[in-house]
C-alpha atoms as a PDB file:
ATOM      1  CA  MET A   1      36.449  57.995 -31.378  1.00  0.00           C
ATOM      2  CA  GLU A   2      35.209  56.097 -28.363  1.00  0.00           C
ATOM      3  CA  THR A   3      31.443  55.724 -28.137  1.00  0.00           C
ATOM      4  CA  TYR A   4      28.880  54.915 -25.471  1.00  0.00           C
ATOM      5  CA  ALA A   5      25.315  53.762 -25.966  1.00  0.00           C
ATOM      6  CA  PHE A   6      22.692  53.621 -23.245  1.00  0.00           C
ATOM      7  CA  ARG A   7      18.966  53.738 -22.652  1.00  0.00           C
ATOM      8  CA  LEU A   8      17.057  55.907 -20.217  1.00  0.00           C
ATOM      9  CA  ARG A   9      13.869  54.520 -18.713  1.00  0.00           C
ATOM     10  CA  PRO A  10      10.420  55.993 -18.038  1.00  0.00           C
ATOM     11  CA  GLY A  11      10.443  58.890 -15.586  1.00  0.00           C
ATOM     12  CA  GLN A  12      14.156  59.639 -15.782  1.00  0.00           C
ATOM     13  CA  ASP A  13      15.252  63.252 -16.270  1.00  0.00           C
ATOM     14  CA  LEU A  14      16.887  63.462 -19.717  1.00  0.00           C
ATOM     15  CA  LYS A  15      19.152  66.464 -19.043  1.00  0.00           C
ATOM     16  CA  ALA A  16      20.141  65.418 -15.520  1.00  0.00           C
ATOM     17  CA  GLU A  17      21.006  61.913 -16.746  1.00  0.00           C
ATOM     18  CA  LEU A  18      23.161  63.252 -19.600  1.00  0.00           C
ATOM     19  CA  ASP A  19      25.059  65.510 -17.201  1.00  0.00           C
ATOM     20  CA  SER A  20      25.395  62.704 -14.659  1.00  0.00           C
ATOM     21  CA  PHE A  21      26.676  60.331 -17.353  1.00  0.00           C
ATOM     22  CA  ALA A  22      29.420  62.825 -18.289  1.00  0.00           C
ATOM     23  CA  VAL A  23      30.504  63.121 -14.658  1.00  0.00           C
ATOM     24  CA  ARG A  24      30.357  59.370 -13.927  1.00  0.00           C
ATOM     25  CA  HIS A  25      32.466  58.574 -17.001  1.00  0.00           C
ATOM     26  CA  ASP A  26      34.845  61.507 -16.429  1.00  0.00           C
ATOM     27  CA  LEU A  27      34.202  62.790 -19.966  1.00  0.00           C
ATOM     28  CA  GLU A  28      36.409  65.716 -20.942  1.00  0.00           C
ATOM     29  CA  ALA A  29      34.781  66.311 -24.347  1.00  0.00           C
ATOM     30  CA  ALA A  30      31.831  64.500 -25.893  1.00  0.00           C
ATOM     31  CA  CYS A  31      28.858  65.015 -28.169  1.00  0.00           C
ATOM     32  CA  VAL A  32      25.474  63.453 -28.796  1.00  0.00           C
ATOM     33  CA  LEU A  33      25.756  61.327 -31.951  1.00  0.00           C
ATOM     34  CA  ALA A  34      22.246  59.863 -32.106  1.00  0.00           C
ATOM     35  CA  SER A  35      19.063  59.630 -30.105  1.00  0.00           C
ATOM     36  CA  ALA A  36      15.478  58.420 -30.258  1.00  0.00           C
ATOM     37  CA  GLY A  37      12.774  58.393 -27.651  1.00  0.00           C
ATOM     38  CA  SER A  38       9.851  60.173 -26.082  1.00  0.00           C
ATOM     39  CA  LEU A  39       8.960  62.567 -23.274  1.00  0.00           C
ATOM     40  CA  THR A  40       5.885  63.272 -21.170  1.00  0.00           C
ATOM     41  CA  ARG A  41       7.281  66.532 -19.855  1.00  0.00           C
ATOM     42  CA  ALA A  42       9.596  68.865 -21.727  1.00  0.00           C
ATOM     43  CA  VAL A  43      11.339  71.736 -19.978  1.00  0.00           C
ATOM     44  CA  LEU A  44      12.668  73.999 -22.701  1.00  0.00           C
ATOM     45  CA  ARG A  45      14.315  77.399 -22.882  1.00  0.00           C
ATOM     46  CA  PHE A  46      13.328  78.904 -26.194  1.00  0.00           C
ATOM     47  CA  ALA A  47      15.601  81.276 -28.143  1.00  0.00           C
ATOM     48  CA  ASN A  48      16.302  84.605 -26.453  1.00  0.00           C
ATOM     49  CA  GLN A  49      14.190  83.753 -23.393  1.00  0.00           C
ATOM     50  CA  SER A  50      15.497  83.991 -19.851  1.00  0.00           C
ATOM     51  CA  THR A  51      13.147  81.403 -18.343  1.00  0.00           C
ATOM     52  CA  ALA A  52      12.093  77.894 -19.252  1.00  0.00           C
ATOM     53  CA  THR A  53       8.715  76.792 -20.604  1.00  0.00           C
ATOM     54  CA  ILE A  54       7.165  73.526 -19.409  1.00  0.00           C
ATOM     55  CA  LEU A  55       5.225  71.439 -21.929  1.00  0.00           C
ATOM     56  CA  GLU A  56       3.145  68.504 -20.663  1.00  0.00           C
ATOM     57  CA  GLY A  57       1.867  65.747 -22.957  1.00  0.00           C
ATOM     58  CA  TYR A  58       3.325  63.089 -25.207  1.00  0.00           C
ATOM     59  CA  PHE A  59       6.275  64.079 -27.369  1.00  0.00           C
ATOM     60  CA  GLU A  60       8.628  62.253 -29.719  1.00  0.00           C
ATOM     61  CA  ILE A  61      12.285  63.239 -29.554  1.00  0.00           C
ATOM     62  CA  VAL A  62      13.054  64.003 -33.198  1.00  0.00           C
ATOM     63  CA  ALA A  63      16.530  65.421 -32.576  1.00  0.00           C
ATOM     64  CA  LEU A  64      18.978  65.761 -29.703  1.00  0.00           C
ATOM     65  CA  THR A  65      22.324  67.435 -30.227  1.00  0.00           C
ATOM     66  CA  GLY A  66      25.021  69.170 -28.270  1.00  0.00           C
ATOM     67  CA  THR A  67      28.270  69.077 -26.387  1.00  0.00           C
ATOM     68  CA  LEU A  68      28.798  67.582 -22.971  1.00  0.00           C
ATOM     69  CA  ALA A  69      31.627  67.128 -20.518  1.00  0.00           C
ATOM     70  CA  ARG A  70      32.075  66.681 -16.822  1.00  0.00           C
ATOM     71  CA  HIS A  71      32.575  70.475 -16.775  1.00  0.00           C
ATOM     72  CA  GLY A  72      29.114  71.224 -18.229  1.00  0.00           C
ATOM     73  CA  SER A  73      26.899  70.687 -21.220  1.00  0.00           C
ATOM     74  CA  HIS A  74      24.944  72.558 -23.886  1.00  0.00           C
ATOM     75  CA  ILE A  75      22.153  70.405 -25.289  1.00  0.00           C
ATOM     76  CA  HIS A  76      19.432  71.315 -27.790  1.00  0.00           C
ATOM     77  CA  ILE A  77      16.334  69.211 -28.440  1.00  0.00           C
ATOM     78  CA  ALA A  78      13.570  69.077 -31.028  1.00  0.00           C
ATOM     79  CA  ILE A  79      10.334  67.357 -30.040  1.00  0.00           C
ATOM     80  CA  SER A  80       7.034  66.825 -31.832  1.00  0.00           C
ATOM     81  CA  ASP A  81       3.568  66.400 -30.373  1.00  0.00           C
ATOM     82  CA  GLY A  82       0.719  64.135 -31.494  1.00  0.00           C
ATOM     83  CA  GLU A  83      -0.284  66.562 -34.240  1.00  0.00           C
ATOM     84  CA  GLY A  84       3.228  66.928 -35.600  1.00  0.00           C
ATOM     85  CA  ARG A  85       3.901  70.382 -34.175  1.00  0.00           C
ATOM     86  CA  THR A  86       7.614  70.624 -33.530  1.00  0.00           C
ATOM     87  CA  TYR A  87       9.416  72.631 -30.873  1.00  0.00           C
ATOM     88  CA  GLY A  88      13.138  73.213 -30.649  1.00  0.00           C
ATOM     89  CA  ALA A  89      15.048  74.758 -27.769  1.00  0.00           C
ATOM     90  CA  HIS A  90      17.659  74.348 -25.053  1.00  0.00           C
ATOM     91  CA  LEU A  91      17.022  71.197 -23.040  1.00  0.00           C
ATOM     92  CA  MET A  92      16.590  71.960 -19.346  1.00  0.00           C
ATOM     93  CA  GLU A  93      16.416  69.742 -16.278  1.00  0.00           C
ATOM     94  CA  GLY A  94      12.981  68.369 -15.501  1.00  0.00           C
ATOM     95  CA  SER A  95      12.292  66.823 -18.930  1.00  0.00           C
ATOM     96  CA  ARG A  96      10.893  63.356 -18.212  1.00  0.00           C
ATOM     97  CA  VAL A  97      11.286  60.255 -20.391  1.00  0.00           C
ATOM     98  CA  TYR A  98       7.994  58.634 -21.432  1.00  0.00           C
ATOM     99  CA  THR A  99       8.868  55.167 -22.784  1.00  0.00           C
ATOM    100  CA  THR A 100      12.550  55.359 -23.649  1.00  0.00           C
ATOM    101  CA  ALA A 101      15.454  57.588 -24.581  1.00  0.00           C
ATOM    102  CA  GLU A 102      18.122  55.786 -26.573  1.00  0.00           C
ATOM    103  CA  ILE A 103      21.341  57.782 -26.587  1.00  0.00           C
ATOM    104  CA  VAL A 104      24.670  57.376 -28.388  1.00  0.00           C
ATOM    105  CA  ILE A 105      27.545  59.558 -27.157  1.00  0.00           C
ATOM    106  CA  GLY A 106      30.856  60.105 -28.939  1.00  0.00           C
ATOM    107  CA  VAL A 107      34.006  61.088 -27.056  1.00  0.00           C
ATOM    108  CA  VAL A 108      36.213  63.657 -28.780  1.00  0.00           C
ATOM    109  CA  PRO A 109      39.883  62.728 -28.245  1.00  0.00           C
ATOM    110  CA  GLY A 110      42.607  65.213 -27.410  1.00  0.00           C
ATOM    111  CA  VAL A 111      40.437  68.091 -26.199  1.00  0.00           C
ATOM    112  CA  ARG A 112      38.636  69.293 -23.100  1.00  0.00           C
ATOM    113  CA  PHE A 113      35.327  71.183 -23.188  1.00  0.00           C
ATOM    114  CA  LEU A 114      35.009  73.823 -20.500  1.00  0.00           C
ATOM    115  CA  ARG A 115      32.165  76.330 -19.977  1.00  0.00           C
ATOM    116  CA  THR A 116      33.763  79.759 -19.557  1.00  0.00           C
ATOM    117  CA  PRO A 117      32.007  83.106 -19.014  1.00  0.00           C
ATOM    118  CA  ASP A 118      31.898  85.105 -22.250  1.00  0.00           C
ATOM    119  CA  LEU A 119      31.744  88.886 -21.810  1.00  0.00           C
ATOM    120  CA  ASP A 120      30.160  89.360 -25.250  1.00  0.00           C
ATOM    121  CA  THR A 121      27.213  87.005 -24.682  1.00  0.00           C
ATOM    122  CA  GLY A 122      26.847  87.003 -20.911  1.00  0.00           C
ATOM    123  CA  TYR A 123      26.679  83.192 -20.923  1.00  0.00           C
ATOM    124  CA  ASP A 124      29.121  80.434 -20.065  1.00  0.00           C
ATOM    125  CA  GLU A 125      30.258  79.419 -23.552  1.00  0.00           C
ATOM    126  CA  LEU A 126      32.259  76.515 -24.939  1.00  0.00           C
ATOM    127  CA  ASP A 127      35.995  76.817 -24.320  1.00  0.00           C
ATOM    128  CA  ILE A 128      37.892  74.130 -26.234  1.00  0.00           C
ATOM    129  CA  GLN A 129      41.305  73.282 -24.832  1.00  0.00           C
ATOM    130  CA  THR A 130      43.935  70.761 -25.832  1.00  0.00           C
ATOM    131  CA  HIS A 131      43.995  67.824 -23.442  1.00  0.00           C
ATOM    132  CA  PRO A 132      46.265  64.757 -23.485  1.00  0.00           C
END
């Protein structure tokens, strides 16, 4: 497995930068292996909600996981506030890095991740295809 490690800086958009990274590096199939960092703004879509919720404050990134490719991504995040309350949801664009976001990405060989409409869910879902 090929890996990439990089750091995002204060003010950068976590989701937009992950998607941009996948496009810039022409990633066909990858996943988030590890992360650590903080946010001052979290844009989250909670389970079974159609719209995003914006949280402002200081948050630690306690988990970041998901699949990404130049064809699209599906990223979940867990963050905690200064009192230890933890929120988990879909990561949306607009989430801003506070001090840092340290990211390690793993590239999955031999496959391509596409996002294909699924009639059962109504969402674009992961479509795993063999890729040389």
